[in-house]
């Protein structure tokens, strides 16, 4: 089968399409013939070598979520899974391939009316958006800023915040065109990447959901209201300054909170329950997914170049 591996870490040109054996599902796993493969921000972070300390090595197959048909099951898995169309979380590897394996506990049947491309645009990101807002304890009437809202996590967070009664939902993005699309999804104020550009936007926010990180993170800590909560869910813009915590200490009397969030810390059944509910909402049109572009698997490097250039609104999806 064809798969995409990291031959050298760094630029997208380090990705290579190779032939490799079809994986055999281990006990508790299923094998899936992929029809849609999500390309996520974490894939780019791994490809750049940022997470080398976690043991990623040359030859690593990128990809963490796929949709397709179950073709085989491992020992202990009900054979009735075979032939079902599913979404699956493959961990932090193995998704960029014609066949992928996943634990049956990380597999969900696709509801009628939900395409594979929509599933991989929502499956991983929707859970992060849901639990990040829960971690932030967003209450009706409060103000929220979604930093880096043009990606799939941000797009879902905007919709959920609006649906949950936020008093205002501000976003940062790179263009007026993207801002207009985010307003259609529930944003009430559009800011540039520095957090400026809308004189009517709140001066401060009760909640910030940050997908970006990077050197500007402290500027957005300064935008928190007293008792404000900041939840970092990604570092697609790089690591923040090592001393960013000084901003929190300097504002000690305002009782600010900073948290990181990874969905890895949420129990599997809870993740799956939220994901199942979101899939049902998406199938009914009550939660929108945004697919920027669908590319052949062989063009994975092109997908990563588009992400690095900031061209992607929503999610790029690969198809074998």
Foldseek 3Di string as FASTA:
>chain_A
DWFWWQQDAAALVSIDIDDDDADDAAAQKWKFQFFKFFDDLVQNCVRNVVVVVVPDDGGFTAGFKTWGATCGHHPPDDPVSHGFIKIFTQDGGARLDRMGMHGPLRIDGFDPQADRHQLSLCQFLLLLLVVLCVVQVDAAAFEEEEEPLQESNNLNNQLVCQVRHYNAYEYEADDVVSVVVSVVSHHDYYAYNLRDDGPPDDQAGQEYEYAAAAASVLSNVVRHAQNHEYEYEHHSNHHYPPPSCVSCVVPVVSNYYYYYDDCVPPDSVVSVVSSVVVSVCVSVVNGDADEQEEEESRCVSVLSVCVVVRNHRRIYMYGD
